[in-house]
PDB file of N, CA and C in Angstrom:
ATOM      1  N   MET A   1       0.806  -1.187   0.000  1.00  0.00           N
ATOM      2  CA  MET A   1       0.000   0.000   0.000  1.00  0.00           C
ATOM      3  C   MET A   1       0.858   1.264   0.000  1.00  0.00           C
ATOM      4  N   LEU A   2       1.946   1.241   0.721  1.00  0.00           N
ATOM      5  CA  LEU A   2       2.844   2.392   0.793  1.00  0.00           C
ATOM      6  C   LEU A   2       3.502   2.653  -0.557  1.00  0.00           C
ATOM      7  N   TYR A   3       3.820   1.581  -1.298  1.00  0.00           N
ATOM      8  CA  TYR A   3       4.463   1.768  -2.605  1.00  0.00           C
ATOM      9  C   TYR A   3       3.513   2.438  -3.587  1.00  0.00           C
ATOM     10  N   LYS A   4       2.191   2.206  -3.481  1.00  0.00           N
ATOM     11  CA  LYS A   4       1.226   2.858  -4.360  1.00  0.00           C
ATOM     12  C   LYS A   4       1.193   4.363  -4.106  1.00  0.00           C
ATOM     13  N   LEU A   5       1.311   4.759  -2.848  1.00  0.00           N
ATOM     14  CA  LEU A   5       1.342   6.165  -2.495  1.00  0.00           C
ATOM     15  C   LEU A   5       2.572   6.842  -3.094  1.00  0.00           C
ATOM     16  N   PHE A   6       3.745   6.184  -2.952  1.00  0.00           N
ATOM     17  CA  PHE A   6       4.979   6.724  -3.537  1.00  0.00           C
ATOM     18  C   PHE A   6       4.891   6.758  -5.061  1.00  0.00           C
ATOM     19  N   TYR A   7       4.314   5.716  -5.642  1.00  0.00           N
ATOM     20  CA  TYR A   7       4.186   5.641  -7.094  1.00  0.00           C
ATOM     21  C   TYR A   7       3.340   6.803  -7.613  1.00  0.00           C
ATOM     22  N   GLN A   8       2.200   7.062  -6.978  1.00  0.00           N
ATOM     23  CA  GLN A   8       1.331   8.153  -7.416  1.00  0.00           C
ATOM     24  C   GLN A   8       2.002   9.511  -7.245  1.00  0.00           C
ATOM     25  N   ARG A   9       2.732   9.690  -6.163  1.00  0.00           N
ATOM     26  CA  ARG A   9       3.413  10.958  -5.913  1.00  0.00           C
ATOM     27  C   ARG A   9       4.477  11.217  -6.993  1.00  0.00           C
ATOM     28  N   TYR A  10       5.288  10.212  -7.271  1.00  0.00           N
ATOM     29  CA  TYR A  10       6.339  10.389  -8.272  1.00  0.00           C
ATOM     30  C   TYR A  10       5.780  10.447  -9.693  1.00  0.00           C
ATOM     31  N   ARG A  11       4.642   9.806  -9.909  1.00  0.00           N
ATOM     32  CA  ARG A  11       3.996   9.884 -11.209  1.00  0.00           C
ATOM     33  C   ARG A  11       3.526  11.307 -11.479  1.00  0.00           C
ATOM     34  N   ARG A  12       2.941  11.972 -10.482  1.00  0.00           N
ATOM     35  CA  ARG A  12       2.527  13.368 -10.626  1.00  0.00           C
ATOM     36  C   ARG A  12       3.732  14.274 -10.877  1.00  0.00           C
ATOM     37  N   LYS A  13       4.815  14.039 -10.140  1.00  0.00           N
ATOM     38  CA  LYS A  13       6.030  14.844 -10.341  1.00  0.00           C
ATOM     39  C   LYS A  13       6.612  14.616 -11.736  1.00  0.00           C
ATOM     40  N   TYR A  14       6.574  13.379 -12.199  1.00  0.00           N
ATOM     41  CA  TYR A  14       7.078  13.065 -13.537  1.00  0.00           C
ATOM     42  C   TYR A  14       6.245  13.774 -14.603  1.00  0.00           C
ATOM     43  N   GLN A  15       4.915  13.727 -14.475  1.00  0.00           N
ATOM     44  CA  GLN A  15       4.053  14.372 -15.460  1.00  0.00           C
ATOM     45  C   GLN A  15       4.241  15.890 -15.456  1.00  0.00           C
ATOM     46  N   LYS A  16       4.421  16.460 -14.284  1.00  0.00           N
ATOM     47  CA  LYS A  16       4.659  17.896 -14.186  1.00  0.00           C
ATOM     48  C   LYS A  16       5.977  18.271 -14.861  1.00  0.00           C
ATOM     49  N   ALA A  17       7.009  17.495 -14.613  1.00  0.00           N
ATOM     50  CA  ALA A  17       8.303  17.754 -15.243  1.00  0.00           C
ATOM     51  C   ALA A  17       8.231  17.558 -16.755  1.00  0.00           C
ATOM     52  N   LYS A  18       7.449  16.590 -17.199  1.00  0.00           N
ATOM     53  CA  LYS A  18       7.304  16.343 -18.632  1.00  0.00           C
ATOM     54  C   LYS A  18       6.593  17.511 -19.309  1.00  0.00           C
ATOM     55  N   ARG A  19       5.553  18.054 -18.668  1.00  0.00           N
ATOM     56  CA  ARG A  19       4.860  19.221 -19.232  1.00  0.00           C
ATOM     57  C   ARG A  19       5.796  20.429 -19.306  1.00  0.00           C
ATOM     58  N   ALA A  20       6.600  20.627 -18.279  1.00  0.00           N
ATOM     59  CA  ALA A  20       7.555  21.743 -18.288  1.00  0.00           C
ATOM     60  C   ALA A  20       8.579  21.570 -19.406  1.00  0.00           C
ATOM     61  N   ALA A  21       9.051  20.348 -19.613  1.00  0.00           N
ATOM     62  CA  ALA A  21      10.019  20.084 -20.686  1.00  0.00           C
ATOM     63  C   ALA A  21       9.392  20.316 -22.057  1.00  0.00           C
ATOM     64  N   ASP A  22       8.133  19.938 -22.236  1.00  0.00           N
ATOM     65  CA  ASP A  22       7.435  20.175 -23.499  1.00  0.00           C
ATOM     66  C   ASP A  22       7.298  21.670 -23.780  1.00  0.00           C
ATOM     67  N   ARG A  23       6.990  22.455 -22.732  1.00  0.00           N
ATOM     68  CA  ARG A  23       6.898  23.908 -22.905  1.00  0.00           C
ATOM     69  C   ARG A  23       8.253  24.481 -23.318  1.00  0.00           C
ATOM     70  N   LEU A  24       9.322  23.995 -22.698  1.00  0.00           N
ATOM     71  CA  LEU A  24      10.660  24.491 -23.050  1.00  0.00           C
ATOM     72  C   LEU A  24      11.030  24.116 -24.476  1.00  0.00           C
ATOM     73  N   ARG A  25      10.636  22.942 -24.933  1.00  0.00           N
ATOM     74  CA  ARG A  25      10.909  22.558 -26.322  1.00  0.00           C
ATOM     75  C   ARG A  25      10.220  23.509 -27.288  1.00  0.00           C
ATOM     76  N   GLY A  26       8.982  23.883 -26.964  1.00  0.00           N
ATOM     77  CA  GLY A  26       8.247  24.824 -27.810  1.00  0.00           C
ATOM     78  C   GLY A  26       8.907  26.191 -27.848  1.00  0.00           C
ATOM     79  N   VAL A  27       9.402  26.661 -26.702  1.00  0.00           N
ATOM     80  CA  VAL A  27      10.100  27.943 -26.642  1.00  0.00           C
ATOM     81  C   VAL A  27      11.397  27.865 -27.432  1.00  0.00           C
ATOM     82  N   LYS A  28      12.112  26.759 -27.308  1.00  0.00           N
ATOM     83  CA  LYS A  28      13.379  26.594 -28.017  1.00  0.00           C
ATOM     84  C   LYS A  28      13.156  26.590 -29.533  1.00  0.00           C
ATOM     85  N   THR A  29      12.109  25.922 -29.994  1.00  0.00           N
ATOM     86  CA  THR A  29      11.800  25.894 -31.420  1.00  0.00           C
ATOM     87  C   THR A  29      11.432  27.288 -31.919  1.00  0.00           C
ATOM     88  N   ALA A  30      10.627  28.010 -31.164  1.00  0.00           N
ATOM     89  CA  ALA A  30      10.251  29.368 -31.552  1.00  0.00           C
ATOM     90  C   ALA A  30      11.479  30.268 -31.575  1.00  0.00           C
ATOM     91  N   TYR A  31      12.375  30.097 -30.615  1.00  0.00           N
ATOM     92  CA  TYR A  31      13.607  30.893 -30.550  1.00  0.00           C
ATOM     93  C   TYR A  31      14.482  30.610 -31.760  1.00  0.00           C
ATOM     94  N   LYS A  32      14.603  29.355 -32.141  1.00  0.00           N
ATOM     95  CA  LYS A  32      15.415  29.009 -33.317  1.00  0.00           C
ATOM     96  C   LYS A  32      14.843  29.637 -34.579  1.00  0.00           C
ATOM     97  N   LYS A  33      13.519  29.607 -34.726  1.00  0.00           N
ATOM     98  CA  LYS A  33      12.884  30.200 -35.899  1.00  0.00           C
ATOM     99  C   LYS A  33      13.100  31.715 -35.926  1.00  0.00           C
ATOM    100  N   GLU A  34      13.005  32.344 -34.762  1.00  0.00           N
ATOM    101  CA  GLU A  34      13.198  33.790 -34.688  1.00  0.00           C
ATOM    102  C   GLU A  34      14.640  34.176 -35.023  1.00  0.00           C
ATOM    103  N   VAL A  35      15.605  33.422 -34.527  1.00  0.00           N
ATOM    104  CA  VAL A  35      17.012  33.687 -34.824  1.00  0.00           C
ATOM    105  C   VAL A  35      17.286  33.503 -36.319  1.00  0.00           C
ATOM    106  N   ALA A  36      16.731  32.474 -36.922  1.00  0.00           N
ATOM    107  CA  ALA A  36      16.920  32.258 -38.357  1.00  0.00           C
ATOM    108  C   ALA A  36      16.328  33.413 -39.164  1.00  0.00           C
ATOM    109  N   ALA A  37      15.159  33.899 -38.769  1.00  0.00           N
ATOM    110  CA  ALA A  37      14.538  35.024 -39.480  1.00  0.00           C
ATOM    111  C   ALA A  37      15.380  36.289 -39.326  1.00  0.00           C
ATOM    112  N   LEU A  38      15.921  36.526 -38.133  1.00  0.00           N
ATOM    113  CA  LEU A  38      16.766  37.699 -37.926  1.00  0.00           C
ATOM    114  C   LEU A  38      18.060  37.604 -38.728  1.00  0.00           C
ATOM    115  N   ARG A  39      18.635  36.421 -38.836  1.00  0.00           N
ATOM    116  CA  ARG A  39      19.844  36.256 -39.645  1.00  0.00           C
ATOM    117  C   ARG A  39      19.573  36.552 -41.119  1.00  0.00           C
ATOM    118  N   ARG A  40      18.413  36.115 -41.617  1.00  0.00           N
ATOM    119  CA  ARG A  40      18.064  36.420 -43.009  1.00  0.00           C
ATOM    120  C   ARG A  40      17.900  37.917 -43.214  1.00  0.00           C
ATOM    121  N   ARG A  41      17.269  38.610 -42.259  1.00  0.00           N
ATOM    122  CA  ARG A  41      17.088  40.058 -42.383  1.00  0.00           C
ATOM    123  C   ARG A  41      18.416  40.799 -42.342  1.00  0.00           C
ATOM    124  N   VAL A  42      19.340  40.378 -41.479  1.00  0.00           N
ATOM    125  CA  VAL A  42      20.655  41.011 -41.405  1.00  0.00           C
ATOM    126  C   VAL A  42      21.423  40.797 -42.698  1.00  0.00           C
ATOM    127  N   ALA A  43      21.339  39.600 -43.262  1.00  0.00           N
ATOM    128  CA  ALA A  43      22.039  39.325 -44.521  1.00  0.00           C
ATOM    129  C   ALA A  43      21.507  40.210 -45.642  1.00  0.00           C
ATOM    130  N   LEU A  44      20.194  40.446 -45.665  1.00  0.00           N
ATOM    131  CA  LEU A  44      19.630  41.328 -46.689  1.00  0.00           C
ATOM    132  C   LEU A  44      20.082  42.771 -46.497  1.00  0.00           C
ATOM    133  N   LEU A  45      20.187  43.203 -45.238  1.00  0.00           N
ATOM    134  CA  LEU A  45      20.607  44.575 -44.981  1.00  0.00           C
ATOM    135  C   LEU A  45      22.084  44.797 -45.286  1.00  0.00           C
ATOM    136  N   GLU A  46      22.928  43.802 -45.001  1.00  0.00           N
ATOM    137  CA  GLU A  46      24.365  43.957 -45.210  1.00  0.00           C
ATOM    138  C   GLU A  46      24.763  43.787 -46.669  1.00  0.00           C
ATOM    139  N   ASP A  47      23.937  43.167 -47.464  1.00  0.00           N
ATOM    140  CA  ASP A  47      24.282  42.879 -48.845  1.00  0.00           C
ATOM    141  C   ASP A  47      24.423  44.166 -49.631  1.00  0.00           C
ATOM    142  N   GLY A  48      25.596  44.386 -50.227  1.00  0.00           N
ATOM    143  CA  GLY A  48      25.828  45.543 -51.074  1.00  0.00           C
ATOM    144  C   GLY A  48      26.479  46.720 -50.381  1.00  0.00           C
ATOM    145  N   TYR A  49      26.639  46.685 -49.066  1.00  0.00           N
ATOM    146  CA  TYR A  49      27.276  47.782 -48.361  1.00  0.00           C
ATOM    147  C   TYR A  49      28.762  47.526 -48.210  1.00  0.00           C
ATOM    148  N   VAL A  50      29.548  48.590 -48.358  1.00  0.00           N
ATOM    149  CA  VAL A  50      31.001  48.510 -48.226  1.00  0.00           C
ATOM    150  C   VAL A  50      31.418  49.489 -47.147  1.00  0.00           C
ATOM    151  N   VAL A  51      32.280  49.036 -46.242  1.00  0.00           N
ATOM    152  CA  VAL A  51      32.839  49.896 -45.203  1.00  0.00           C
ATOM    153  C   VAL A  51      34.327  50.027 -45.480  1.00  0.00           C
ATOM    154  N   GLU A  52      34.782  51.257 -45.646  1.00  0.00           N
ATOM    155  CA  GLU A  52      36.184  51.498 -45.992  1.00  0.00           C
ATOM    156  C   GLU A  52      36.674  52.740 -45.261  1.00  0.00           C
ATOM    157  N   TRP A  53      37.968  52.798 -45.046  1.00  0.00           N
ATOM    158  CA  TRP A  53      38.598  53.910 -44.360  1.00  0.00           C
ATOM    159  C   TRP A  53      39.236  54.827 -45.393  1.00  0.00           C
ATOM    160  N   CYS A  54      38.889  56.114 -45.361  1.00  0.00           N
ATOM    161  CA  CYS A  54      39.496  57.088 -46.267  1.00  0.00           C
ATOM    162  C   CYS A  54      40.752  57.616 -45.599  1.00  0.00           C
ATOM    163  N   SER A  55      41.872  57.396 -46.232  1.00  0.00           N
ATOM    164  CA  SER A  55      43.146  57.830 -45.650  1.00  0.00           C
ATOM    165  C   SER A  55      43.375  59.321 -45.821  1.00  0.00           C
ATOM    166  N   ASN A  56      42.635  59.972 -46.699  1.00  0.00           N
ATOM    167  CA  ASN A  56      42.818  61.407 -46.926  1.00  0.00           C
ATOM    168  C   ASN A  56      42.163  62.255 -45.833  1.00  0.00           C
ATOM    169  N   CYS A  57      40.921  61.939 -45.495  1.00  0.00           N
ATOM    170  CA  CYS A  57      40.221  62.737 -44.473  1.00  0.00           C
ATOM    171  C   CYS A  57      40.069  61.990 -43.146  1.00  0.00           C
ATOM    172  N   ASP A  58      40.637  60.784 -43.034  1.00  0.00           N
ATOM    173  CA  ASP A  58      40.617  59.980 -41.799  1.00  0.00           C
ATOM    174  C   ASP A  58      39.203  59.758 -41.265  1.00  0.00           C
ATOM    175  N   THR A  59      38.309  59.306 -42.133  1.00  0.00           N
ATOM    176  CA  THR A  59      36.946  58.958 -41.717  1.00  0.00           C
ATOM    177  C   THR A  59      36.590  57.578 -42.248  1.00  0.00           C
ATOM    178  N   GLN A  60      35.711  56.923 -41.545  1.00  0.00           N
ATOM    179  CA  GLN A  60      35.217  55.623 -41.984  1.00  0.00           C
ATOM    180  C   GLN A  60      33.963  55.849 -42.818  1.00  0.00           C
ATOM    181  N   ILE A  61      33.953  55.297 -44.015  1.00  0.00           N
ATOM    182  CA  ILE A  61      32.871  55.511 -44.965  1.00  0.00           C
ATOM    183  C   ILE A  61      32.075  54.210 -45.111  1.00  0.00           C
ATOM    184  N   THR A  62      30.761  54.293 -44.990  1.00  0.00           N
ATOM    185  CA  THR A  62      29.861  53.175 -45.271  1.00  0.00           C
ATOM    186  C   THR A  62      28.973  53.601 -46.423  1.00  0.00           C
ATOM    187  N   MET A  63      29.023  52.850 -47.515  1.00  0.00           N
ATOM    188  CA  MET A  63      28.231  53.232 -48.678  1.00  0.00           C
ATOM    189  C   MET A  63      27.720  51.997 -49.401  1.00  0.00           C
ATOM    190  N   LEU A  64      26.644  52.193 -50.127  1.00  0.00           N
ATOM    191  CA  LEU A  64      26.071  51.135 -50.941  1.00  0.00           C
ATOM    192  C   LEU A  64      26.882  51.071 -52.226  1.00  0.00           C
ATOM    193  N   TRP A  65      27.542  49.922 -52.468  1.00  0.00           N
ATOM    194  CA  TRP A  65      28.471  49.811 -53.584  1.00  0.00           C
ATOM    195  C   TRP A  65      28.501  48.377 -54.075  1.00  0.00           C
ATOM    196  N   ASN A  66      28.394  48.193 -55.374  1.00  0.00           N
ATOM    197  CA  ASN A  66      28.504  46.875 -55.974  1.00  0.00           C
ATOM    198  C   ASN A  66      29.902  46.765 -56.575  1.00  0.00           C
ATOM    199  N   VAL A  67      30.757  45.974 -55.970  1.00  0.00           N
ATOM    200  CA  VAL A  67      32.157  45.875 -56.390  1.00  0.00           C
ATOM    201  C   VAL A  67      32.271  45.241 -57.765  1.00  0.00           C
ATOM    202  N   LYS A  68      31.421  44.267 -58.078  1.00  0.00           N
ATOM    203  CA  LYS A  68      31.500  43.591 -59.375  1.00  0.00           C
ATOM    204  C   LYS A  68      31.165  44.536 -60.529  1.00  0.00           C
ATOM    205  N   GLU A  69      30.161  45.391 -60.341  1.00  0.00           N
ATOM    206  CA  GLU A  69      29.759  46.317 -61.405  1.00  0.00           C
ATOM    207  C   GLU A  69      30.551  47.622 -61.387  1.00  0.00           C
ATOM    208  N   ASP A  70      30.790  48.173 -60.185  1.00  0.00           N
ATOM    209  CA  ASP A  70      31.383  49.504 -60.070  1.00  0.00           C
ATOM    210  C   ASP A  70      32.900  49.487 -59.898  1.00  0.00           C
ATOM    211  N   GLY A  71      33.476  48.327 -59.590  1.00  0.00           N
ATOM    212  CA  GLY A  71      34.925  48.234 -59.424  1.00  0.00           C
ATOM    213  C   GLY A  71      35.369  48.491 -57.996  1.00  0.00           C
ATOM    214  N   CYS A  72      36.689  48.457 -57.799  1.00  0.00           N
ATOM    215  CA  CYS A  72      37.279  48.610 -56.462  1.00  0.00           C
ATOM    216  C   CYS A  72      37.769  50.026 -56.201  1.00  0.00           C
ATOM    217  N   ARG A  73      37.408  50.955 -57.037  1.00  0.00           N
ATOM    218  CA  ARG A  73      37.850  52.335 -56.898  1.00  0.00           C
ATOM    219  C   ARG A  73      36.628  53.226 -56.726  1.00  0.00           C
ATOM    220  N   ALA A  74      36.607  54.019 -55.635  1.00  0.00           N
ATOM    221  CA  ALA A  74      35.468  54.885 -55.347  1.00  0.00           C
ATOM    222  C   ALA A  74      35.977  56.239 -54.896  1.00  0.00           C
ATOM    223  N   CYS A  75      35.104  57.209 -54.886  1.00  0.00           N
ATOM    224  CA  CYS A  75      35.436  58.547 -54.394  1.00  0.00           C
ATOM    225  C   CYS A  75      34.838  58.721 -53.005  1.00  0.00           C
ATOM    226  N   CYS A  76      35.592  59.347 -52.133  1.00  0.00           N
ATOM    227  CA  CYS A  76      35.119  59.613 -50.775  1.00  0.00           C
ATOM    228  C   CYS A  76      34.029  60.674 -50.834  1.00  0.00           C
ATOM    229  N   PRO A  77      32.869  60.433 -50.201  1.00  0.00           N
ATOM    230  CA  PRO A  77      31.801  61.434 -50.241  1.00  0.00           C
ATOM    231  C   PRO A  77      32.106  62.668 -49.391  1.00  0.00           C
ATOM    232  N   HIS A  78      33.100  62.594 -48.489  1.00  0.00           N
ATOM    233  CA  HIS A  78      33.433  63.748 -47.642  1.00  0.00           C
ATOM    234  C   HIS A  78      34.445  64.670 -48.297  1.00  0.00           C
ATOM    235  N   CYS A  79      35.557  64.091 -48.751  1.00  0.00           N
ATOM    236  CA  CYS A  79      36.626  64.933 -49.294  1.00  0.00           C
ATOM    237  C   CYS A  79      36.744  64.852 -50.809  1.00  0.00           C
ATOM    238  N   GLY A  80      36.123  63.867 -51.457  1.00  0.00           N
ATOM    239  CA  GLY A  80      36.151  63.759 -52.904  1.00  0.00           C
ATOM    240  C   GLY A  80      37.384  63.079 -53.474  1.00  0.00           C
ATOM    241  N   GLU A  81      38.298  62.644 -52.630  1.00  0.00           N
ATOM    242  CA  GLU A  81      39.505  61.979 -53.102  1.00  0.00           C
ATOM    243  C   GLU A  81      39.198  60.529 -53.468  1.00  0.00           C
ATOM    244  N   VAL A  82      40.038  59.962 -54.322  1.00  0.00           N
ATOM    245  CA  VAL A  82      39.877  58.570 -54.749  1.00  0.00           C
ATOM    246  C   VAL A  82      40.350  57.648 -53.631  1.00  0.00           C
ATOM    247  N   MET A  83      39.575  56.612 -53.350  1.00  0.00           N
ATOM    248  CA  MET A  83      39.986  55.612 -52.364  1.00  0.00           C
ATOM    249  C   MET A  83      39.755  54.228 -52.947  1.00  0.00           C
ATOM    250  N   MET A  84      40.633  53.322 -52.609  1.00  0.00           N
ATOM    251  CA  MET A  84      40.555  51.948 -53.077  1.00  0.00           C
ATOM    252  C   MET A  84      39.772  51.120 -52.057  1.00  0.00           C
ATOM    253  N   LEU A  85      38.919  50.250 -52.555  1.00  0.00           N
ATOM    254  CA  LEU A  85      38.125  49.372 -51.694  1.00  0.00           C
ATOM    255  C   LEU A  85      38.853  48.046 -51.537  1.00  0.00           C
ATOM    256  N   CYS A  86      39.987  48.084 -50.878  1.00  0.00           N
ATOM    257  CA  CYS A  86      40.850  46.905 -50.772  1.00  0.00           C
ATOM    258  C   CYS A  86      40.256  45.811 -49.889  1.00  0.00           C
ATOM    259  N   ASP A  87      39.360  46.154 -48.964  1.00  0.00           N
ATOM    260  CA  ASP A  87      38.733  45.128 -48.123  1.00  0.00           C
ATOM    261  C   ASP A  87      37.794  44.250 -48.936  1.00  0.00           C
ATOM    262  N   SER A  88      37.279  44.770 -50.039  1.00  0.00           N
ATOM    263  CA  SER A  88      36.364  44.009 -50.890  1.00  0.00           C
ATOM    264  C   SER A  88      37.098  43.203 -51.944  1.00  0.00           C
ATOM    265  N   CYS A  89      38.405  43.339 -52.014  1.00  0.00           N
ATOM    266  CA  CYS A  89      39.224  42.660 -53.018  1.00  0.00           C
ATOM    267  C   CYS A  89      39.279  41.165 -52.721  1.00  0.00           C
ATOM    268  N   GLN A  90      39.253  40.356 -53.760  1.00  0.00           N
ATOM    269  CA  GLN A  90      39.337  38.905 -53.602  1.00  0.00           C
ATOM    270  C   GLN A  90      40.802  38.480 -53.698  1.00  0.00           C
ATOM    271  N   GLY A  91      41.288  37.771 -52.694  1.00  0.00           N
ATOM    272  CA  GLY A  91      42.669  37.281 -52.724  1.00  0.00           C
ATOM    273  C   GLY A  91      43.643  38.301 -52.167  1.00  0.00           C
ATOM    274  N   GLU A  92      44.896  38.214 -52.607  1.00  0.00           N
ATOM    275  CA  GLU A  92      45.944  39.105 -52.119  1.00  0.00           C
ATOM    276  C   GLU A  92      45.869  40.450 -52.817  1.00  0.00           C
ATOM    277  N   CYS A  93      46.125  41.502 -52.074  1.00  0.00           N
ATOM    278  CA  CYS A  93      46.095  42.846 -52.635  1.00  0.00           C
ATOM    279  C   CYS A  93      47.448  43.134 -53.284  1.00  0.00           C
ATOM    280  N   ASP A  94      47.432  43.500 -54.552  1.00  0.00           N
ATOM    281  CA  ASP A  94      48.665  43.843 -55.256  1.00  0.00           C
ATOM    282  C   ASP A  94      48.594  45.268 -55.791  1.00  0.00           C
ATOM    283  N   TYR A  95      48.029  46.175 -54.992  1.00  0.00           N
ATOM    284  CA  TYR A  95      47.869  47.564 -55.416  1.00  0.00           C
ATOM    285  C   TYR A  95      49.230  48.223 -55.567  1.00  0.00           C
ATOM    286  N   ASN A  96      49.449  48.871 -56.717  1.00  0.00           N
ATOM    287  CA  ASN A  96      50.685  49.580 -57.004  1.00  0.00           C
ATOM    288  C   ASN A  96      50.412  51.070 -56.828  1.00  0.00           C
ATOM    289  N   TYR A  97      51.010  51.668 -55.785  1.00  0.00           N
ATOM    290  CA  TYR A  97      50.758  53.073 -55.491  1.00  0.00           C
ATOM    291  C   TYR A  97      51.334  54.004 -56.551  1.00  0.00           C
ATOM    292  N   GLY A  98      52.413  53.600 -57.213  1.00  0.00           N
ATOM    293  CA  GLY A  98      53.021  54.437 -58.242  1.00  0.00           C
ATOM    294  C   GLY A  98      52.156  54.543 -59.480  1.00  0.00           C
ATOM    295  N   ASN A  99      51.628  53.419 -59.943  1.00  0.00           N
ATOM    296  CA  ASN A  99      50.799  53.401 -61.164  1.00  0.00           C
ATOM    297  C   ASN A  99      49.312  53.545 -60.861  1.00  0.00           C
ATOM    298  N   ASP A 100      48.933  53.461 -59.585  1.00  0.00           N
ATOM    299  CA  ASP A 100      47.534  53.531 -59.159  1.00  0.00           C
ATOM    300  C   ASP A 100      46.711  52.439 -59.840  1.00  0.00           C
ATOM    301  N   THR A 101      47.234  51.210 -59.826  1.00  0.00           N
ATOM    302  CA  THR A 101      46.544  50.075 -60.434  1.00  0.00           C
ATOM    303  C   THR A 101      46.643  48.842 -59.536  1.00  0.00           C
ATOM    304  N   CYS A 102      45.727  47.921 -59.773  1.00  0.00           N
ATOM    305  CA  CYS A 102      45.794  46.599 -59.152  1.00  0.00           C
ATOM    306  C   CYS A 102      45.135  45.614 -60.091  1.00  0.00           C
ATOM    307  N   LYS A 103      45.199  44.328 -59.755  1.00  0.00           N
ATOM    308  CA  LYS A 103      44.653  43.302 -60.656  1.00  0.00           C
ATOM    309  C   LYS A 103      43.135  43.365 -60.758  1.00  0.00           C
ATOM    310  N   GLU A 104      42.460  43.949 -59.772  1.00  0.00           N
ATOM    311  CA  GLU A 104      40.994  44.017 -59.770  1.00  0.00           C
ATOM    312  C   GLU A 104      40.460  45.188 -60.595  1.00  0.00           C
ATOM    313  N   MET A 105      41.303  46.092 -61.048  1.00  0.00           N
ATOM    314  CA  MET A 105      40.849  47.273 -61.808  1.00  0.00           C
ATOM    315  C   MET A 105      40.617  46.917 -63.254  1.00  0.00           C
TER     316      MET A 105
END
């Protein structure tokens, strides 16, 4: 008779713990879906933006730029000087300062 009392008590505790675990699984699934959606939104926002440092006016420039279509050479919107987008370059940078050329131009 005593074992039935213990069995019922632990059965209730087990069911309560199981319900709590099911709720946590649902929260975890919703969290994963939300994180995936936020990652997709960030990827869409970052696509096409270039961040580069202008050595002439010492400012960091963030601009919408397509490197494949527009090339690796841009003008600074603050000072108007030419700046190279070397961070967007594929592979090793071989920019020649004397001739103002590189393999990506």
